[in-house]
Amino acid sequence: MAQAKKVALYALVVFVLYTIINSPDRAADLVQVGFEGISSAAQGVGEFMTELVN
């Protein structure tokens, strides 16, 4: 099972590197969307905690 995880991880890394090399503009867009999603989630948690305290 541990080897299957290693193989899957290596395949994922190779795919990500291939995507970055093949189309860097699209990869940059995907990274930006990911960070915007994380930022929105953190903002939502912050607002929830603020309302919980009040």
C-alpha atoms as a PDB file:
ATOM      1  CA  MET A   1       0.000   0.000   0.000  1.00  0.00           C
ATOM      2  CA  ALA A   2       2.859   2.380   0.779  1.00  0.00           C
ATOM      3  CA  GLN A   3       4.337   1.831  -2.672  1.00  0.00           C
ATOM      4  CA  ALA A   4       0.994   2.618  -4.294  1.00  0.00           C
ATOM      5  CA  LYS A   5       0.940   5.954  -2.464  1.00  0.00           C
ATOM      6  CA  LYS A   6       4.491   6.697  -3.635  1.00  0.00           C
ATOM      7  CA  VAL A   7       3.618   5.880  -7.233  1.00  0.00           C
ATOM      8  CA  ALA A   8       0.477   8.041  -7.067  1.00  0.00           C
ATOM      9  CA  LEU A   9       2.454  10.914  -5.560  1.00  0.00           C
ATOM     10  CA  TYR A  10       5.163  10.689  -8.223  1.00  0.00           C
ATOM     11  CA  ALA A  11       2.512  10.565 -10.959  1.00  0.00           C
ATOM     12  CA  LEU A  12       0.848  13.656  -9.504  1.00  0.00           C
ATOM     13  CA  VAL A  13       4.164  15.530  -9.358  1.00  0.00           C
ATOM     14  CA  VAL A  14       4.977  14.587 -12.951  1.00  0.00           C
ATOM     15  CA  PHE A  15       1.515  15.699 -14.083  1.00  0.00           C
ATOM     16  CA  VAL A  16       1.837  19.046 -12.291  1.00  0.00           C
ATOM     17  CA  LEU A  17       5.293  19.666 -13.749  1.00  0.00           C
ATOM     18  CA  TYR A  18       4.072  18.715 -17.227  1.00  0.00           C
ATOM     19  CA  THR A  19       1.136  21.104 -16.909  1.00  0.00           C
ATOM     20  CA  ILE A  20       3.365  23.953 -15.726  1.00  0.00           C
ATOM     21  CA  ILE A  21       5.867  23.416 -18.531  1.00  0.00           C
ATOM     22  CA  ASN A  22       3.243  22.833 -21.222  1.00  0.00           C
ATOM     23  CA  SER A  23       0.937  25.776 -20.398  1.00  0.00           C
ATOM     24  CA  PRO A  24       2.319  28.114 -17.721  1.00  0.00           C
ATOM     25  CA  ASP A  25      -0.472  30.669 -18.217  1.00  0.00           C
ATOM     26  CA  ARG A  26      -3.167  28.109 -17.426  1.00  0.00           C
ATOM     27  CA  ALA A  27      -1.176  26.810 -14.457  1.00  0.00           C
ATOM     28  CA  ALA A  28      -0.882  30.359 -13.091  1.00  0.00           C
ATOM     29  CA  ASP A  29      -4.628  30.820 -13.460  1.00  0.00           C
ATOM     30  CA  LEU A  30      -5.294  27.604 -11.556  1.00  0.00           C
ATOM     31  CA  VAL A  31      -2.959  28.628  -8.745  1.00  0.00           C
ATOM     32  CA  GLN A  32      -4.660  32.025  -8.518  1.00  0.00           C
ATOM     33  CA  VAL A  33      -8.097  30.397  -8.329  1.00  0.00           C
ATOM     34  CA  GLY A  34      -6.831  28.072  -5.606  1.00  0.00           C
ATOM     35  CA  PHE A  35      -5.444  30.896  -3.501  1.00  0.00           C
ATOM     36  CA  GLU A  36      -8.633  32.922  -3.949  1.00  0.00           C
ATOM     37  CA  GLY A  37     -10.621  29.936  -2.707  1.00  0.00           C
ATOM     38  CA  ILE A  38      -8.396  29.545   0.335  1.00  0.00           C
ATOM     39  CA  SER A  39      -8.636  33.272   1.032  1.00  0.00           C
ATOM     40  CA  SER A  40     -12.429  33.197   0.809  1.00  0.00           C
ATOM     41  CA  ALA A  41     -12.609  30.200   3.120  1.00  0.00           C
ATOM     42  CA  ALA A  42     -10.363  31.885   5.686  1.00  0.00           C
ATOM     43  CA  GLN A  43     -12.431  35.047   5.488  1.00  0.00           C
ATOM     44  CA  GLY A  44     -15.608  33.021   6.033  1.00  0.00           C
ATOM     45  CA  VAL A  45     -14.126  31.319   9.085  1.00  0.00           C
ATOM     46  CA  GLY A  46     -13.046  34.703  10.449  1.00  0.00           C
ATOM     47  CA  GLU A  47     -16.514  36.151  10.003  1.00  0.00           C
ATOM     48  CA  PHE A  48     -18.058  33.092  11.638  1.00  0.00           C
ATOM     49  CA  MET A  49     -15.755  33.363  14.651  1.00  0.00           C
ATOM     50  CA  THR A  50     -16.468  37.096  14.939  1.00  0.00           C
ATOM     51  CA  GLU A  51     -20.220  36.489  14.947  1.00  0.00           C
ATOM     52  CA  LEU A  52     -19.780  33.620  17.397  1.00  0.00           C
ATOM     53  CA  VAL A  53     -17.951  35.876  19.854  1.00  0.00           C
ATOM     54  CA  ASN A  54     -20.515  38.658  19.501  1.00  0.00           C
END
